[in-house]
């Protein structure tokens, strides 16, 4: 009877140990979505964009009206950075930008946003992952 009790305790201990989540074995994955928009009466508004990619490098893009990109996966202390400004454009326009984060294939959630209606003022936002 004593042997059965010892075996049961050992089996329960092994089962409990194997069910613990290993943080290092299964780290969280984060993805960053950068999104940019322009509100204007004009149909074509040039914008210059600069982001930090998943490798920590600054990358520049040029586009018109709306733009987005998803980068990742990144680590939990990653600082996402987005800067946008109007290209050569004569007229009124409002720049909007946001940084969204997805954790472990979950939905993207807006973590930082910014706006500027001044054609001489760029929008610069950043967010450090701290889930």
Protein backbone atom coordinates (compact mmCIF):
# COMPACT_ATOMS: atom_id res chain seq x y z
CA UNK A 1 0.00 0.00 0.00
CA UNK A 2 2.88 2.31 0.83
CA UNK A 3 4.42 1.71 -2.62
CA UNK A 4 1.15 2.61 -4.34
CA UNK A 5 0.92 5.83 -2.32
CA UNK A 6 4.53 6.78 -3.20
CA UNK A 7 3.93 6.02 -6.89
CA UNK A 8 0.73 8.09 -6.87
CA UNK A 9 2.54 11.04 -5.28
CA UNK A 10 5.38 10.77 -7.81
CA UNK A 11 2.95 10.56 -10.74
CA UNK A 12 1.05 13.58 -9.46
CA UNK A 13 4.32 15.52 -9.06
CA UNK A 14 5.47 14.64 -12.58
CA UNK A 15 2.08 15.59 -14.01
CA UNK A 16 2.07 18.94 -12.17
CA UNK A 17 5.64 19.73 -13.26
CA UNK A 18 4.93 18.99 -16.92
CA UNK A 19 1.86 21.27 -16.95
CA UNK A 20 3.71 24.40 -15.85
CA UNK A 21 4.12 26.96 -18.60
CA UNK A 22 7.70 27.64 -19.51
CA UNK A 23 8.02 31.38 -20.20
CA UNK A 24 11.33 30.92 -22.02
CA UNK A 25 10.05 27.96 -24.06
CA UNK A 26 6.96 29.76 -25.33
CA UNK A 27 7.61 33.54 -25.38
CA UNK A 28 4.91 36.02 -26.34
CA UNK A 29 4.87 37.24 -29.94
CA UNK A 30 4.02 40.84 -30.76
CA UNK A 31 3.26 42.41 -34.12
CA UNK A 32 3.20 46.14 -34.82
CA UNK A 33 0.87 47.77 -37.34
CA UNK A 34 1.69 51.30 -38.41
CA UNK A 35 -1.23 53.14 -40.04
CA UNK A 36 -1.30 56.59 -41.67
CA UNK A 37 -4.06 58.64 -43.22
CA UNK A 38 -4.60 62.07 -44.75
CA UNK A 39 -7.85 64.01 -44.70
CA UNK A 40 -7.99 66.58 -47.49
CA UNK A 41 -10.17 67.96 -50.26
CA UNK A 42 -7.44 67.01 -52.72
CA UNK A 43 -7.49 63.54 -54.25
CA UNK A 44 -3.74 63.01 -54.11
CA UNK A 45 -1.70 64.10 -51.10
CA UNK A 46 1.95 62.98 -50.87
CA UNK A 47 3.22 61.83 -47.48
CA UNK A 48 6.68 60.88 -46.25
CA UNK A 49 6.79 58.13 -43.62
CA UNK A 50 9.53 56.83 -41.35
CA UNK A 51 9.16 53.79 -39.09
CA UNK A 52 11.30 51.50 -36.96
CA UNK A 53 11.13 47.95 -38.35
CA UNK A 54 11.37 44.66 -36.44
CA UNK A 55 15.19 44.80 -36.67
CA UNK A 56 15.39 48.24 -35.06
CA UNK A 57 16.26 49.99 -38.34
CA UNK A 58 14.71 53.24 -39.53
CA UNK A 59 12.93 52.71 -42.85
CA UNK A 60 11.45 55.45 -45.05
CA UNK A 61 8.46 55.25 -47.38
CA UNK A 62 6.60 57.68 -49.60
CA UNK A 63 2.96 57.23 -50.47
CA UNK A 64 -0.30 59.11 -50.92
CA UNK A 65 -3.45 59.45 -48.84
CA UNK A 66 -3.41 56.21 -46.78
CA UNK A 67 -0.75 53.70 -45.89
CA UNK A 68 -0.15 50.84 -43.44
CA UNK A 69 2.35 48.09 -42.77
CA UNK A 70 2.68 45.30 -40.22
CA UNK A 71 6.10 44.34 -38.84
CA UNK A 72 7.16 41.59 -36.48
CA UNK A 73 7.44 39.58 -34.58
CA UNK A 74 9.14 41.79 -31.99
CA UNK A 75 10.11 41.36 -28.34
CA UNK A 76 8.18 42.74 -25.39
CA UNK A 77 10.47 45.75 -24.84
CA UNK A 78 10.41 46.90 -28.49
CA UNK A 79 9.83 50.62 -29.08
CA UNK A 80 7.70 51.26 -32.15
CA UNK A 81 8.21 54.67 -33.74
CA UNK A 82 6.30 56.39 -36.54
CA UNK A 83 6.88 59.81 -38.09
CA UNK A 84 4.89 61.29 -40.99
CA UNK A 85 4.91 64.61 -42.79
CA UNK A 86 3.45 66.09 -45.92
CA UNK A 87 5.50 65.89 -49.08
CA UNK A 88 5.37 68.68 -51.68
CA UNK A 89 1.74 69.77 -51.28
CA UNK A 90 0.02 73.13 -51.40
CA UNK A 91 -3.27 72.93 -49.59
CA UNK A 92 -5.02 72.03 -46.36
CA UNK A 93 -4.59 68.53 -45.04
CA UNK A 94 -4.81 66.75 -41.69
CA UNK A 95 -2.34 63.95 -41.02
CA UNK A 96 -3.37 61.07 -38.77
CA UNK A 97 -1.24 58.21 -37.52
CA UNK A 98 -1.50 55.32 -35.11
CA UNK A 99 0.52 52.42 -33.79
CA UNK A 100 -1.37 49.19 -33.13
CA UNK A 101 -0.08 46.09 -31.33
CA UNK A 102 -1.16 42.44 -31.53
CA UNK A 103 -0.09 39.92 -28.88
CA UNK A 104 -0.01 36.21 -29.68
CA UNK A 105 -2.23 36.47 -32.79
CA UNK A 106 -4.82 38.50 -30.88
CA UNK A 107 -6.60 41.51 -32.35
CA UNK A 108 -4.66 44.70 -33.04
CA UNK A 109 -5.20 47.38 -30.39
CA UNK A 110 -4.35 51.07 -30.87
CA UNK A 111 -1.59 51.96 -28.40
CA UNK A 112 -0.51 55.39 -29.70
CA UNK A 113 -2.03 57.95 -32.05
CA UNK A 114 -1.42 61.46 -33.26
CA UNK A 115 -2.77 64.12 -35.58
CA UNK A 116 -1.63 67.38 -37.15
CA UNK A 117 -3.51 69.95 -39.23
CA UNK A 118 -0.40 72.12 -39.59
CA UNK A 119 1.36 71.38 -42.89
CA UNK A 120 4.70 72.32 -41.32
CA UNK A 121 4.31 70.08 -38.27
CA UNK A 122 5.02 66.35 -38.67
CA UNK A 123 3.26 63.72 -36.58
CA UNK A 124 5.68 61.75 -34.41
CA UNK A 125 4.49 58.98 -32.11
CA UNK A 126 6.05 56.00 -30.36
CA UNK A 127 5.05 53.16 -28.08
CA UNK A 128 7.14 50.72 -26.03
CA UNK A 129 5.51 47.32 -25.58
CA UNK A 130 4.71 46.74 -21.91
CA UNK A 131 1.99 44.07 -21.76
